Amino acid sequence: MKEDGKNQCCCTNKKKHRSEKEYKDLSNRLSRIEGQVRGVKTMVENDAYCVDILTQVSAINAALNSFNKVLLASHIRTCVVEHVREGNDEVIDELVNTMQKLMK
Protein backbone atom coordinates (compact mmCIF):
# COMPACT_ATOMS: atom_id res chain seq x y z
CA MET A 1 0.00 0.00 0.00
CA LYS A 2 1.05 3.52 -0.60
CA GLU A 3 1.64 5.73 2.38
CA ASP A 4 -1.57 7.62 1.60
CA GLY A 5 -3.53 4.42 2.31
CA LYS A 6 -4.51 3.67 -1.28
CA ASN A 7 -3.92 0.23 -2.73
CA GLN A 8 -0.84 -0.15 -4.85
CA CYS A 9 0.13 -3.14 -6.89
CA CYS A 10 3.24 -4.73 -5.57
CA CYS A 11 3.28 -7.67 -7.96
CA THR A 12 6.10 -8.21 -10.37
CA ASN A 13 7.25 -11.31 -12.20
CA LYS A 14 4.44 -13.42 -10.70
CA LYS A 15 5.35 -12.41 -7.14
CA LYS A 16 3.50 -10.14 -4.79
CA HIS A 17 5.06 -8.17 -1.97
CA ARG A 18 2.47 -7.97 0.79
CA SER A 19 2.19 -5.48 3.59
CA GLU A 20 3.10 -6.77 7.03
CA LYS A 21 -0.58 -6.66 8.05
CA GLU A 22 -1.72 -8.68 5.04
CA TYR A 23 1.09 -11.17 5.53
CA LYS A 24 0.26 -11.64 9.22
CA ASP A 25 -3.46 -12.06 8.50
CA LEU A 26 -2.88 -14.69 5.82
CA SER A 27 -0.23 -16.45 7.88
CA ASN A 28 -2.48 -16.57 10.97
CA ARG A 29 -5.35 -17.99 8.94
CA LEU A 30 -3.10 -20.69 7.51
CA SER A 31 -1.74 -21.54 10.95
CA ARG A 32 -5.29 -22.03 12.26
CA ILE A 33 -6.12 -24.24 9.28
CA GLU A 34 -2.92 -26.21 9.81
CA GLY A 35 -3.93 -26.76 13.43
CA GLN A 36 -7.38 -27.94 12.35
CA VAL A 37 -5.81 -30.45 9.95
CA ARG A 38 -3.53 -31.76 12.69
CA GLY A 39 -6.59 -32.08 14.90
CA VAL A 40 -8.36 -34.20 12.29
CA LYS A 41 -5.29 -36.40 11.96
CA THR A 42 -5.35 -36.92 15.72
CA MET A 43 -9.05 -37.74 15.55
CA VAL A 44 -8.36 -40.42 12.94
CA GLU A 45 -5.49 -41.81 15.01
CA ASN A 46 -7.79 -41.95 18.05
CA ASP A 47 -10.59 -43.71 16.13
CA ALA A 48 -13.01 -40.77 16.43
CA TYR A 49 -16.53 -41.18 15.11
CA CYS A 50 -16.75 -40.60 11.34
CA VAL A 51 -19.40 -37.89 11.58
CA ASP A 52 -17.26 -35.95 14.05
CA ILE A 53 -14.30 -36.11 11.66
CA LEU A 54 -16.45 -35.08 8.71
CA THR A 55 -17.75 -32.12 10.70
CA GLN A 56 -14.20 -30.96 11.35
CA VAL A 57 -13.24 -31.45 7.69
CA SER A 58 -16.21 -29.31 6.74
CA ALA A 59 -14.91 -26.58 9.06
CA ILE A 60 -11.49 -26.83 7.38
CA ASN A 61 -13.10 -26.44 3.96
CA ALA A 62 -14.97 -23.36 5.18
CA ALA A 63 -11.73 -21.89 6.56
CA LEU A 64 -9.93 -22.51 3.26
CA ASN A 65 -12.79 -20.90 1.34
CA SER A 66 -12.60 -17.88 3.63
CA PHE A 67 -8.83 -17.69 3.07
CA ASN A 68 -9.40 -17.81 -0.69
CA LYS A 69 -11.96 -14.99 -0.52
CA VAL A 70 -9.59 -12.72 1.39
CA LEU A 71 -6.68 -13.47 -0.95
CA LEU A 72 -8.79 -13.12 -4.08
CA ALA A 73 -10.22 -9.77 -2.94
CA SER A 74 -6.72 -8.47 -2.29
CA HIS A 75 -5.54 -9.72 -5.67
CA ILE A 76 -8.40 -8.01 -7.50
CA ARG A 77 -7.97 -4.73 -5.60
CA THR A 78 -4.24 -4.55 -6.25
CA CYS A 79 -2.74 -6.65 -9.02
CA VAL A 80 -5.75 -6.94 -11.33
CA VAL A 81 -6.66 -3.25 -11.10
CA GLU A 82 -3.08 -2.15 -11.68
CA HIS A 83 -2.57 -4.46 -14.66
CA VAL A 84 -5.83 -3.35 -16.28
CA ARG A 85 -4.86 0.31 -15.79
CA GLU A 86 -1.56 -0.47 -17.52
CA GLY A 87 -3.48 -1.97 -20.46
CA ASN A 88 -2.64 -5.60 -19.62
CA ASP A 89 -5.99 -7.30 -20.16
CA GLU A 90 -4.43 -10.79 -19.97
CA VAL A 91 -4.84 -10.52 -16.21
CA ILE A 92 -8.63 -10.73 -16.74
CA ASP A 93 -8.28 -14.13 -18.45
CA GLU A 94 -6.02 -15.26 -15.61
CA LEU A 95 -8.61 -14.10 -13.06
CA VAL A 96 -11.46 -15.87 -14.86
CA ASN A 97 -9.45 -19.11 -15.04
CA THR A 98 -8.58 -18.84 -11.36
CA MET A 99 -12.19 -18.26 -10.36
CA GLN A 100 -13.29 -21.23 -12.45
CA LYS A 101 -10.81 -23.42 -10.58
CA LEU A 102 -12.02 -22.12 -7.24
CA MET A 103 -15.64 -22.88 -8.11
CA LYS A 104 -15.10 -26.55 -8.92
PDB file of N, CA and C in Angstrom:
ATOM      1  N   MET A   1       0.827  -1.179   0.000  1.00  0.00           N
ATOM      2  CA  MET A   1       0.000   0.000   0.000  1.00  0.00           C
ATOM      3  C   MET A   1       0.870   1.241   0.000  1.00  0.00           C
ATOM      4  N   LYS A   2       0.369   2.241  -0.630  1.00  0.00           N
ATOM      5  CA  LYS A   2       1.053   3.524  -0.604  1.00  0.00           C
ATOM      6  C   LYS A   2       0.897   4.127   0.782  1.00  0.00           C
ATOM      7  N   GLU A   3       1.718   5.085   1.074  1.00  0.00           N
ATOM      8  CA  GLU A   3       1.642   5.735   2.377  1.00  0.00           C
ATOM      9  C   GLU A   3       0.330   6.481   2.564  1.00  0.00           C
ATOM     10  N   ASP A   4      -0.318   6.895   1.466  1.00  0.00           N
ATOM     11  CA  ASP A   4      -1.574   7.622   1.604  1.00  0.00           C
ATOM     12  C   ASP A   4      -2.748   6.688   1.866  1.00  0.00           C
ATOM     13  N   GLY A   5      -2.482   5.378   1.976  1.00  0.00           N
ATOM     14  CA  GLY A   5      -3.533   4.424   2.311  1.00  0.00           C
ATOM     15  C   GLY A   5      -4.218   3.804   1.109  1.00  0.00           C
ATOM     16  N   LYS A   6      -3.891   4.241  -0.091  1.00  0.00           N
ATOM     17  CA  LYS A   6      -4.512   3.671  -1.282  1.00  0.00           C
ATOM     18  C   LYS A   6      -3.775   2.408  -1.683  1.00  0.00           C
ATOM     19  N   ASN A   7      -4.531   1.488  -2.286  1.00  0.00           N
ATOM     20  CA  ASN A   7      -3.921   0.235  -2.730  1.00  0.00           C
ATOM     21  C   ASN A   7      -2.921   0.500  -3.834  1.00  0.00           C
ATOM     22  N   GLN A   8      -1.865  -0.258  -3.821  1.00  0.00           N
ATOM     23  CA  GLN A   8      -0.844  -0.152  -4.851  1.00  0.00           C
ATOM     24  C   GLN A   8      -0.432  -1.566  -5.210  1.00  0.00           C
ATOM     25  N   CYS A   9      -0.312  -1.823  -6.481  1.00  0.00           N
ATOM     26  CA  CYS A   9       0.127  -3.145  -6.891  1.00  0.00           C
ATOM     27  C   CYS A   9       1.595  -3.325  -6.544  1.00  0.00           C
ATOM     28  N   CYS A  10       1.862  -4.417  -5.942  1.00  0.00           N
ATOM     29  CA  CYS A  10       3.239  -4.735  -5.570  1.00  0.00           C
ATOM     30  C   CYS A  10       3.657  -6.030  -6.243  1.00  0.00           C
ATOM     31  N   CYS A  11       2.981  -6.395  -7.327  1.00  0.00           N
ATOM     32  CA  CYS A  11       3.281  -7.674  -7.955  1.00  0.00           C
ATOM     33  C   CYS A  11       4.143  -7.470  -9.193  1.00  0.00           C
ATOM     34  N   THR A  12       5.209  -8.230  -9.231  1.00  0.00           N
ATOM     35  CA  THR A  12       6.098  -8.209 -10.374  1.00  0.00           C
ATOM     36  C   THR A  12       6.598  -9.626 -10.605  1.00  0.00           C
ATOM     37  N   ASN A  13       6.714  -9.987 -11.852  1.00  0.00           N
ATOM     38  CA  ASN A  13       7.250 -11.308 -12.200  1.00  0.00           C
ATOM     39  C   ASN A  13       6.570 -12.433 -11.423  1.00  0.00           C
ATOM     40  N   LYS A  14       5.243 -12.383 -11.368  1.00  0.00           N
ATOM     41  CA  LYS A  14       4.443 -13.417 -10.704  1.00  0.00           C
ATOM     42  C   LYS A  14       4.775 -13.563  -9.224  1.00  0.00           C
ATOM     43  N   LYS A  15       5.152 -12.472  -8.591  1.00  0.00           N
ATOM     44  CA  LYS A  15       5.352 -12.414  -7.142  1.00  0.00           C
ATOM     45  C   LYS A  15       4.608 -11.207  -6.632  1.00  0.00           C
ATOM     46  N   LYS A  16       4.183 -11.291  -5.385  1.00  0.00           N
ATOM     47  CA  LYS A  16       3.504 -10.143  -4.785  1.00  0.00           C
ATOM     48  C   LYS A  16       4.130  -9.842  -3.435  1.00  0.00           C
ATOM     49  N   HIS A  17       4.510  -8.611  -3.252  1.00  0.00           N
ATOM     50  CA  HIS A  17       5.057  -8.175  -1.975  1.00  0.00           C
ATOM     51  C   HIS A  17       3.897  -7.645  -1.149  1.00  0.00           C
ATOM     52  N   ARG A  18       3.608  -8.321  -0.043  1.00  0.00           N
ATOM     53  CA  ARG A  18       2.470  -7.973   0.791  1.00  0.00           C
ATOM     54  C   ARG A  18       2.887  -7.077   1.946  1.00  0.00           C
ATOM     55  N   SER A  19       1.932  -6.285   2.396  1.00  0.00           N
ATOM     56  CA  SER A  19       2.185  -5.484   3.592  1.00  0.00           C
ATOM     57  C   SER A  19       2.328  -6.433   4.775  1.00  0.00           C
ATOM     58  N   GLU A  20       2.928  -5.940   5.833  1.00  0.00           N
ATOM     59  CA  GLU A  20       3.105  -6.772   7.028  1.00  0.00           C
ATOM     60  C   GLU A  20       1.756  -7.213   7.581  1.00  0.00           C
ATOM     61  N   LYS A  21       0.766  -6.328   7.555  1.00  0.00           N
ATOM     62  CA  LYS A  21      -0.575  -6.660   8.055  1.00  0.00           C
ATOM     63  C   LYS A  21      -1.203  -7.773   7.228  1.00  0.00           C
ATOM     64  N   GLU A  22      -1.132  -7.656   5.906  1.00  0.00           N
ATOM     65  CA  GLU A  22      -1.721  -8.680   5.040  1.00  0.00           C
ATOM     66  C   GLU A  22      -1.001 -10.012   5.246  1.00  0.00           C
ATOM     67  N   TYR A  23       0.315  -9.959   5.315  1.00  0.00           N
ATOM     68  CA  TYR A  23       1.095 -11.172   5.529  1.00  0.00           C
ATOM     69  C   TYR A  23       0.696 -11.852   6.837  1.00  0.00           C
ATOM     70  N   LYS A  24       0.614 -11.068   7.917  1.00  0.00           N
ATOM     71  CA  LYS A  24       0.265 -11.640   9.218  1.00  0.00           C
ATOM     72  C   LYS A  24      -1.130 -12.249   9.204  1.00  0.00           C
ATOM     73  N   ASP A  25      -2.084 -11.556   8.572  1.00  0.00           N
ATOM     74  CA  ASP A  25      -3.460 -12.065   8.501  1.00  0.00           C
ATOM     75  C   ASP A  25      -3.506 -13.402   7.763  1.00  0.00           C
ATOM     76  N   LEU A  26      -2.878 -13.446   6.594  1.00  0.00           N
ATOM     77  CA  LEU A  26      -2.882 -14.687   5.822  1.00  0.00           C
ATOM     78  C   LEU A  26      -2.143 -15.801   6.556  1.00  0.00           C
ATOM     79  N   SER A  27      -1.021 -15.467   7.145  1.00  0.00           N
ATOM     80  CA  SER A  27      -0.233 -16.450   7.878  1.00  0.00           C
ATOM     81  C   SER A  27      -1.003 -17.004   9.082  1.00  0.00           C
ATOM     82  N   ASN A  28      -1.681 -16.123   9.823  1.00  0.00           N
ATOM     83  CA  ASN A  28      -2.476 -16.567  10.971  1.00  0.00           C
ATOM     84  C   ASN A  28      -3.612 -17.484  10.544  1.00  0.00           C
ATOM     85  N   ARG A  29      -4.270 -17.131   9.449  1.00  0.00           N
ATOM     86  CA  ARG A  29      -5.353 -17.986   8.944  1.00  0.00           C
ATOM     87  C   ARG A  29      -4.815 -19.373   8.582  1.00  0.00           C
ATOM     88  N   LEU A  30      -3.681 -19.403   7.896  1.00  0.00           N
ATOM     89  CA  LEU A  30      -3.096 -20.690   7.506  1.00  0.00           C
ATOM     90  C   LEU A  30      -2.646 -21.495   8.718  1.00  0.00           C
ATOM     91  N   SER A  31      -2.144 -20.828   9.730  1.00  0.00           N
ATOM     92  CA  SER A  31      -1.740 -21.536  10.954  1.00  0.00           C
ATOM     93  C   SER A  31      -2.941 -22.177  11.642  1.00  0.00           C
ATOM     94  N   ARG A  32      -4.074 -21.450  11.670  1.00  0.00           N
ATOM     95  CA  ARG A  32      -5.286 -22.033  12.264  1.00  0.00           C
ATOM     96  C   ARG A  32      -5.751 -23.242  11.460  1.00  0.00           C
ATOM     97  N   ILE A  33      -5.704 -23.127  10.141  1.00  0.00           N
ATOM     98  CA  ILE A  33      -6.117 -24.239   9.279  1.00  0.00           C
ATOM     99  C   ILE A  33      -5.188 -25.430   9.492  1.00  0.00           C
ATOM    100  N   GLU A  34      -3.901 -25.157   9.565  1.00  0.00           N
ATOM    101  CA  GLU A  34      -2.920 -26.213   9.809  1.00  0.00           C
ATOM    102  C   GLU A  34      -3.222 -26.922  11.131  1.00  0.00           C
ATOM    103  N   GLY A  35      -3.576 -26.168  12.146  1.00  0.00           N
ATOM    104  CA  GLY A  35      -3.934 -26.758  13.432  1.00  0.00           C
ATOM    105  C   GLY A  35      -5.187 -27.613  13.328  1.00  0.00           C
ATOM    106  N   GLN A  36      -6.161 -27.158  12.548  1.00  0.00           N
ATOM    107  CA  GLN A  36      -7.378 -27.943  12.353  1.00  0.00           C
ATOM    108  C   GLN A  36      -7.059 -29.266  11.659  1.00  0.00           C
ATOM    109  N   VAL A  37      -6.188 -29.229  10.668  1.00  0.00           N
ATOM    110  CA  VAL A  37      -5.815 -30.450   9.948  1.00  0.00           C
ATOM    111  C   VAL A  37      -5.101 -31.418  10.884  1.00  0.00           C
ATOM    112  N   ARG A  38      -4.199 -30.898  11.701  1.00  0.00           N
ATOM    113  CA  ARG A  38      -3.529 -31.757  12.689  1.00  0.00           C
ATOM    114  C   ARG A  38      -4.539 -32.368  13.652  1.00  0.00           C
ATOM    115  N   GLY A  39      -5.543 -31.579  14.022  1.00  0.00           N
ATOM    116  CA  GLY A  39      -6.589 -32.085  14.904  1.00  0.00           C
ATOM    117  C   GLY A  39      -7.360 -33.228  14.274  1.00  0.00           C
ATOM    118  N   VAL A  40      -7.653 -33.126  12.985  1.00  0.00           N
ATOM    119  CA  VAL A  40      -8.358 -34.201  12.288  1.00  0.00           C
ATOM    120  C   VAL A  40      -7.483 -35.447  12.226  1.00  0.00           C
ATOM    121  N   LYS A  41      -6.199 -35.259  11.986  1.00  0.00           N
ATOM    122  CA  LYS A  41      -5.290 -36.396  11.963  1.00  0.00           C
ATOM    123  C   LYS A  41      -5.312 -37.113  13.314  1.00  0.00           C
ATOM    124  N   THR A  42      -5.291 -36.336  14.381  1.00  0.00           N
ATOM    125  CA  THR A  42      -5.351 -36.922  15.724  1.00  0.00           C
ATOM    126  C   THR A  42      -6.674 -37.655  15.927  1.00  0.00           C
ATOM    127  N   MET A  43      -7.751 -37.080  15.426  1.00  0.00           N
ATOM    128  CA  MET A  43      -9.054 -37.741  15.549  1.00  0.00           C
ATOM    129  C   MET A  43      -9.044 -39.097  14.857  1.00  0.00           C
ATOM    130  N   VAL A  44      -8.440 -39.153  13.674  1.00  0.00           N
ATOM    131  CA  VAL A  44      -8.356 -40.425  12.940  1.00  0.00           C
ATOM    132  C   VAL A  44      -7.506 -41.412  13.729  1.00  0.00           C
ATOM    133  N   GLU A  45      -6.369 -40.941  14.232  1.00  0.00           N
ATOM    134  CA  GLU A  45      -5.486 -41.812  15.014  1.00  0.00           C
ATOM    135  C   GLU A  45      -6.170 -42.343  16.270  1.00  0.00           C
ATOM    136  N   ASN A  46      -7.087 -41.547  16.826  1.00  0.00           N
ATOM    137  CA  ASN A  46      -7.789 -41.946  18.046  1.00  0.00           C
ATOM    138  C   ASN A  46      -9.138 -42.600  17.782  1.00  0.00           C
ATOM    139  N   ASP A  47      -9.359 -43.007  16.521  1.00  0.00           N
ATOM    140  CA  ASP A  47     -10.588 -43.707  16.130  1.00  0.00           C
ATOM    141  C   ASP A  47     -11.856 -42.912  16.438  1.00  0.00           C
ATOM    142  N   ALA A  48     -11.826 -41.611  16.196  1.00  0.00           N
ATOM    143  CA  ALA A  48     -13.005 -40.773  16.432  1.00  0.00           C
ATOM    144  C   ALA A  48     -14.132 -41.190  15.487  1.00  0.00           C
ATOM    145  N   TYR A  49     -15.330 -40.868  15.886  1.00  0.00           N
ATOM    146  CA  TYR A  49     -16.528 -41.176  15.111  1.00  0.00           C
ATOM    147  C   TYR A  49     -16.478 -40.448  13.767  1.00  0.00           C
ATOM    148  N   CYS A  50     -16.848 -41.138  12.710  1.00  0.00           N
ATOM    149  CA  CYS A  50     -16.749 -40.599  11.342  1.00  0.00           C
ATOM    150  C   CYS A  50     -17.448 -39.255  11.185  1.00  0.00           C
ATOM    151  N   VAL A  51     -18.638 -39.133  11.733  1.00  0.00           N
ATOM    152  CA  VAL A  51     -19.396 -37.893  11.580  1.00  0.00           C
ATOM    153  C   VAL A  51     -18.660 -36.732  12.252  1.00  0.00           C
ATOM    154  N   ASP A  52     -18.018 -36.993  13.378  1.00  0.00           N
ATOM    155  CA  ASP A  52     -17.262 -35.949  14.054  1.00  0.00           C
ATOM    156  C   ASP A  52     -16.080 -35.496  13.192  1.00  0.00           C
ATOM    157  N   ILE A  53     -15.414 -36.443  12.553  1.00  0.00           N
ATOM    158  CA  ILE A  53     -14.298 -36.110  11.663  1.00  0.00           C
ATOM    159  C   ILE A  53     -14.801 -35.313  10.461  1.00  0.00           C
ATOM    160  N   LEU A  54     -15.888 -35.773   9.861  1.00  0.00           N
ATOM    161  CA  LEU A  54     -16.451 -35.079   8.708  1.00  0.00           C
ATOM    162  C   LEU A  54     -16.870 -33.657   9.057  1.00  0.00           C
ATOM    163  N   THR A  55     -17.368 -33.458  10.253  1.00  0.00           N
ATOM    164  CA  THR A  55     -17.751 -32.120  10.696  1.00  0.00           C
ATOM    165  C   THR A  55     -16.529 -31.219  10.763  1.00  0.00           C
ATOM    166  N   GLN A  56     -15.426 -31.743  11.273  1.00  0.00           N
ATOM    167  CA  GLN A  56     -14.197 -30.958  11.349  1.00  0.00           C
ATOM    168  C   GLN A  56     -13.622 -30.679   9.961  1.00  0.00           C
ATOM    169  N   VAL A  57     -13.711 -31.658   9.061  1.00  0.00           N
ATOM    170  CA  VAL A  57     -13.235 -31.454   7.695  1.00  0.00           C
ATOM    171  C   VAL A  57     -14.065 -30.366   7.013  1.00  0.00           C
ATOM    172  N   SER A  58     -15.353 -30.352   7.286  1.00  0.00           N
ATOM    173  CA  SER A  58     -16.214 -29.310   6.738  1.00  0.00           C
ATOM    174  C   SER A  58     -15.780 -27.933   7.239  1.00  0.00           C
ATOM    175  N   ALA A  59     -15.395 -27.851   8.503  1.00  0.00           N
ATOM    176  CA  ALA A  59     -14.908 -26.584   9.060  1.00  0.00           C
ATOM    177  C   ALA A  59     -13.604 -26.158   8.388  1.00  0.00           C
ATOM    178  N   ILE A  60     -12.751 -27.133   8.081  1.00  0.00           N
ATOM    179  CA  ILE A  60     -11.494 -26.831   7.377  1.00  0.00           C
ATOM    180  C   ILE A  60     -11.786 -26.290   5.986  1.00  0.00           C
ATOM    181  N   ASN A  61     -12.722 -26.919   5.292  1.00  0.00           N
ATOM    182  CA  ASN A  61     -13.097 -26.438   3.955  1.00  0.00           C
ATOM    183  C   ASN A  61     -13.619 -25.012   4.020  1.00  0.00           C
ATOM    184  N   ALA A  62     -14.436 -24.711   5.023  1.00  0.00           N
ATOM    185  CA  ALA A  62     -14.973 -23.356   5.178  1.00  0.00           C
ATOM    186  C   ALA A  62     -13.837 -22.369   5.447  1.00  0.00           C
ATOM    187  N   ALA A  63     -12.871 -22.764   6.260  1.00  0.00           N
ATOM    188  CA  ALA A  63     -11.734 -21.889   6.562  1.00  0.00           C
ATOM    189  C   ALA A  63     -10.891 -21.645   5.312  1.00  0.00           C
ATOM    190  N   LEU A  64     -10.682 -22.669   4.510  1.00  0.00           N
ATOM    191  CA  LEU A  64      -9.934 -22.508   3.263  1.00  0.00           C
ATOM    192  C   LEU A  64     -10.684 -21.603   2.291  1.00  0.00           C
ATOM    193  N   ASN A  65     -11.996 -21.764   2.214  1.00  0.00           N
ATOM    194  CA  ASN A  65     -12.791 -20.899   1.340  1.00  0.00           C
ATOM    195  C   ASN A  65     -12.699 -19.443   1.797  1.00  0.00           C
ATOM    196  N   SER A  66     -12.724 -19.227   3.100  1.00  0.00           N
ATOM    197  CA  SER A  66     -12.597 -17.877   3.634  1.00  0.00           C
ATOM    198  C   SER A  66     -11.224 -17.296   3.296  1.00  0.00           C
ATOM    199  N   PHE A  67     -10.179 -18.107   3.438  1.00  0.00           N
ATOM    200  CA  PHE A  67      -8.829 -17.688   3.073  1.00  0.00           C
ATOM    201  C   PHE A  67      -8.785 -17.278   1.601  1.00  0.00           C
ATOM    202  N   ASN A  68      -9.376 -18.111   0.743  1.00  0.00           N
ATOM    203  CA  ASN A  68      -9.398 -17.812  -0.693  1.00  0.00           C
ATOM    204  C   ASN A  68     -10.108 -16.493  -0.981  1.00  0.00           C
ATOM    205  N   LYS A  69     -11.213 -16.229  -0.293  1.00  0.00           N
ATOM    206  CA  LYS A  69     -11.956 -14.987  -0.520  1.00  0.00           C
ATOM    207  C   LYS A  69     -11.115 -13.771  -0.166  1.00  0.00           C
ATOM    208  N   VAL A  70     -10.427 -13.837   0.959  1.00  0.00           N
ATOM    209  CA  VAL A  70      -9.586 -12.722   1.390  1.00  0.00           C
ATOM    210  C   VAL A  70      -8.455 -12.501   0.384  1.00  0.00           C
ATOM    211  N   LEU A  71      -7.796 -13.580  -0.015  1.00  0.00           N
ATOM    212  CA  LEU A  71      -6.679 -13.465  -0.946  1.00  0.00           C
ATOM    213  C   LEU A  71      -7.147 -12.992  -2.321  1.00  0.00           C
ATOM    214  N   LEU A  72      -8.265 -13.512  -2.784  1.00  0.00           N
ATOM    215  CA  LEU A  72      -8.795 -13.115  -4.083  1.00  0.00           C
ATOM    216  C   LEU A  72      -9.189 -11.640  -4.084  1.00  0.00           C
ATOM    217  N   ALA A  73      -9.828 -11.182  -3.030  1.00  0.00           N
ATOM    218  CA  ALA A  73     -10.221  -9.773  -2.945  1.00  0.00           C
ATOM    219  C   ALA A  73      -8.988  -8.876  -2.993  1.00  0.00           C
ATOM    220  N   SER A  74      -7.957  -9.244  -2.272  1.00  0.00           N
ATOM    221  CA  SER A  74      -6.721  -8.466  -2.289  1.00  0.00           C
ATOM    222  C   SER A  74      -6.112  -8.461  -3.683  1.00  0.00           C
ATOM    223  N   HIS A  75      -6.110  -9.603  -4.323  1.00  0.00           N
ATOM    224  CA  HIS A  75      -5.541  -9.721  -5.667  1.00  0.00           C
ATOM    225  C   HIS A  75      -6.281  -8.810  -6.653  1.00  0.00           C
ATOM    226  N   ILE A  76      -7.600  -8.830  -6.576  1.00  0.00           N
ATOM    227  CA  ILE A  76      -8.395  -8.010  -7.497  1.00  0.00           C
ATOM    228  C   ILE A  76      -8.145  -6.535  -7.234  1.00  0.00           C
ATOM    229  N   ARG A  77      -8.133  -6.146  -5.950  1.00  0.00           N
ATOM    230  CA  ARG A  77      -7.974  -4.733  -5.595  1.00  0.00           C
ATOM    231  C   ARG A  77      -6.592  -4.182  -5.932  1.00  0.00           C
ATOM    232  N   THR A  78      -5.603  -5.039  -6.011  1.00  0.00           N
ATOM    233  CA  THR A  78      -4.244  -4.553  -6.252  1.00  0.00           C
ATOM    234  C   THR A  78      -3.762  -4.964  -7.637  1.00  0.00           C
ATOM    235  N   CYS A  79      -3.377  -6.189  -7.783  1.00  0.00           N
ATOM    236  CA  CYS A  79      -2.739  -6.652  -9.025  1.00  0.00           C
ATOM    237  C   CYS A  79      -3.636  -6.497 -10.250  1.00  0.00           C
ATOM    238  N   VAL A  80      -4.877  -6.976 -10.154  1.00  0.00           N
ATOM    239  CA  VAL A  80      -5.755  -6.938 -11.328  1.00  0.00           C
ATOM    240  C   VAL A  80      -6.018  -5.498 -11.742  1.00  0.00           C
ATOM    241  N   VAL A  81      -6.372  -4.659 -10.787  1.00  0.00           N
ATOM    242  CA  VAL A  81      -6.660  -3.255 -11.102  1.00  0.00           C
ATOM    243  C   VAL A  81      -5.443  -2.588 -11.743  1.00  0.00           C
ATOM    244  N   GLU A  82      -4.287  -2.795 -11.157  1.00  0.00           N
ATOM    245  CA  GLU A  82      -3.075  -2.154 -11.682  1.00  0.00           C
ATOM    246  C   GLU A  82      -2.760  -2.631 -13.101  1.00  0.00           C
ATOM    247  N   HIS A  83      -2.864  -3.932 -13.326  1.00  0.00           N
ATOM    248  CA  HIS A  83      -2.567  -4.460 -14.663  1.00  0.00           C
ATOM    249  C   HIS A  83      -3.559  -3.947 -15.703  1.00  0.00           C
ATOM    250  N   VAL A  84      -4.827  -3.865 -15.348  1.00  0.00           N
ATOM    251  CA  VAL A  84      -5.831  -3.347 -16.281  1.00  0.00           C
ATOM    252  C   VAL A  84      -5.540  -1.874 -16.588  1.00  0.00           C
ATOM    253  N   ARG A  85      -5.196  -1.109 -15.567  1.00  0.00           N
ATOM    254  CA  ARG A  85      -4.858   0.306 -15.788  1.00  0.00           C
ATOM    255  C   ARG A  85      -3.660   0.460 -16.710  1.00  0.00           C
ATOM    256  N   GLU A  86      -2.740  -0.507 -16.653  1.00  0.00           N
ATOM    257  CA  GLU A  86      -1.562  -0.468 -17.519  1.00  0.00           C
ATOM    258  C   GLU A  86      -1.859  -1.007 -18.914  1.00  0.00           C
ATOM    259  N   GLY A  87      -3.100  -1.461 -19.156  1.00  0.00           N
ATOM    260  CA  GLY A  87      -3.476  -1.973 -20.459  1.00  0.00           C
ATOM    261  C   GLY A  87      -3.237  -3.458 -20.632  1.00  0.00           C
ATOM    262  N   ASN A  88      -2.885  -4.159 -19.559  1.00  0.00           N
ATOM    263  CA  ASN A  88      -2.638  -5.602 -19.618  1.00  0.00           C
ATOM    264  C   ASN A  88      -3.934  -6.334 -19.304  1.00  0.00           C
ATOM    265  N   ASP A  89      -4.708  -6.627 -20.351  1.00  0.00           N
ATOM    266  CA  ASP A  89      -5.990  -7.304 -20.160  1.00  0.00           C
ATOM    267  C   ASP A  89      -5.843  -8.817 -19.983  1.00  0.00           C
ATOM    268  N   GLU A  90      -4.644  -9.349 -20.175  1.00  0.00           N
ATOM    269  CA  GLU A  90      -4.427 -10.788 -19.969  1.00  0.00           C
ATOM    270  C   GLU A  90      -4.732 -11.184 -18.527  1.00  0.00           C
ATOM    271  N   VAL A  91      -4.584 -10.236 -17.618  1.00  0.00           N
ATOM    272  CA  VAL A  91      -4.844 -10.519 -16.209  1.00  0.00           C
ATOM    273  C   VAL A  91      -6.319 -10.874 -15.996  1.00  0.00           C
ATOM    274  N   ILE A  92      -7.203 -10.391 -16.849  1.00  0.00           N
ATOM    275  CA  ILE A  92      -8.628 -10.733 -16.744  1.00  0.00           C
ATOM    276  C   ILE A  92      -8.827 -12.214 -17.054  1.00  0.00           C
ATOM    277  N   ASP A  93      -8.189 -12.706 -18.116  1.00  0.00           N
ATOM    278  CA  ASP A  93      -8.284 -14.130 -18.446  1.00  0.00           C
ATOM    279  C   ASP A  93      -7.729 -14.985 -17.312  1.00  0.00           C
ATOM    280  N   GLU A  94      -6.614 -14.537 -16.731  1.00  0.00           N
ATOM    281  CA  GLU A  94      -6.020 -15.258 -15.606  1.00  0.00           C
ATOM    282  C   GLU A  94      -6.991 -15.295 -14.422  1.00  0.00           C
ATOM    283  N   LEU A  95      -7.640 -14.169 -14.151  1.00  0.00           N
ATOM    284  CA  LEU A  95      -8.606 -14.098 -13.057  1.00  0.00           C
ATOM    285  C   LEU A  95      -9.800 -15.011 -13.306  1.00  0.00           C
ATOM    286  N   VAL A  96     -10.322 -14.994 -14.516  1.00  0.00           N
ATOM    287  CA  VAL A  96     -11.455 -15.867 -14.858  1.00  0.00           C
ATOM    288  C   VAL A  96     -11.071 -17.332 -14.690  1.00  0.00           C
ATOM    289  N   ASN A  97      -9.910 -17.722 -15.184  1.00  0.00           N
ATOM    290  CA  ASN A  97      -9.454 -19.110 -15.038  1.00  0.00           C
ATOM    291  C   ASN A  97      -9.293 -19.487 -13.569  1.00  0.00           C
ATOM    292  N   THR A  98      -8.754 -18.576 -12.792  1.00  0.00           N
ATOM    293  CA  THR A  98      -8.575 -18.836 -11.364  1.00  0.00           C
ATOM    294  C   THR A  98      -9.926 -19.012 -10.677  1.00  0.00           C
ATOM    295  N   MET A  99     -10.862 -18.156 -10.979  1.00  0.00           N
ATOM    296  CA  MET A  99     -12.189 -18.258 -10.360  1.00  0.00           C
ATOM    297  C   MET A  99     -12.895 -19.550 -10.767  1.00  0.00           C
ATOM    298  N   GLN A 100     -12.708 -19.967 -12.012  1.00  0.00           N
ATOM    299  CA  GLN A 100     -13.289 -21.235 -12.447  1.00  0.00           C
ATOM    300  C   GLN A 100     -12.714 -22.406 -11.653  1.00  0.00           C
ATOM    301  N   LYS A 101     -11.420 -22.373 -11.389  1.00  0.00           N
ATOM    302  CA  LYS A 101     -10.805 -23.420 -10.581  1.00  0.00           C
ATOM    303  C   LYS A 101     -11.339 -23.417  -9.159  1.00  0.00           C
ATOM    304  N   LEU A 102     -11.524 -22.232  -8.596  1.00  0.00           N
ATOM    305  CA  LEU A 102     -12.022 -22.116  -7.237  1.00  0.00           C
ATOM    306  C   LEU A 102     -13.457 -22.603  -7.092  1.00  0.00           C
ATOM    307  N   MET A 103     -14.217 -22.529  -8.169  1.00  0.00           N
ATOM    308  CA  MET A 103     -15.635 -22.882  -8.110  1.00  0.00           C
ATOM    309  C   MET A 103     -15.920 -24.339  -8.436  1.00  0.00           C
ATOM    310  N   LYS A 104     -14.890 -25.131  -8.623  1.00  0.00           N
ATOM    311  CA  LYS A 104     -15.096 -26.553  -8.924  1.00  0.00           C
ATOM    312  C   LYS A 104     -15.581 -27.283  -7.710  1.00  0.00           C
TER     313      LYS A 104
END
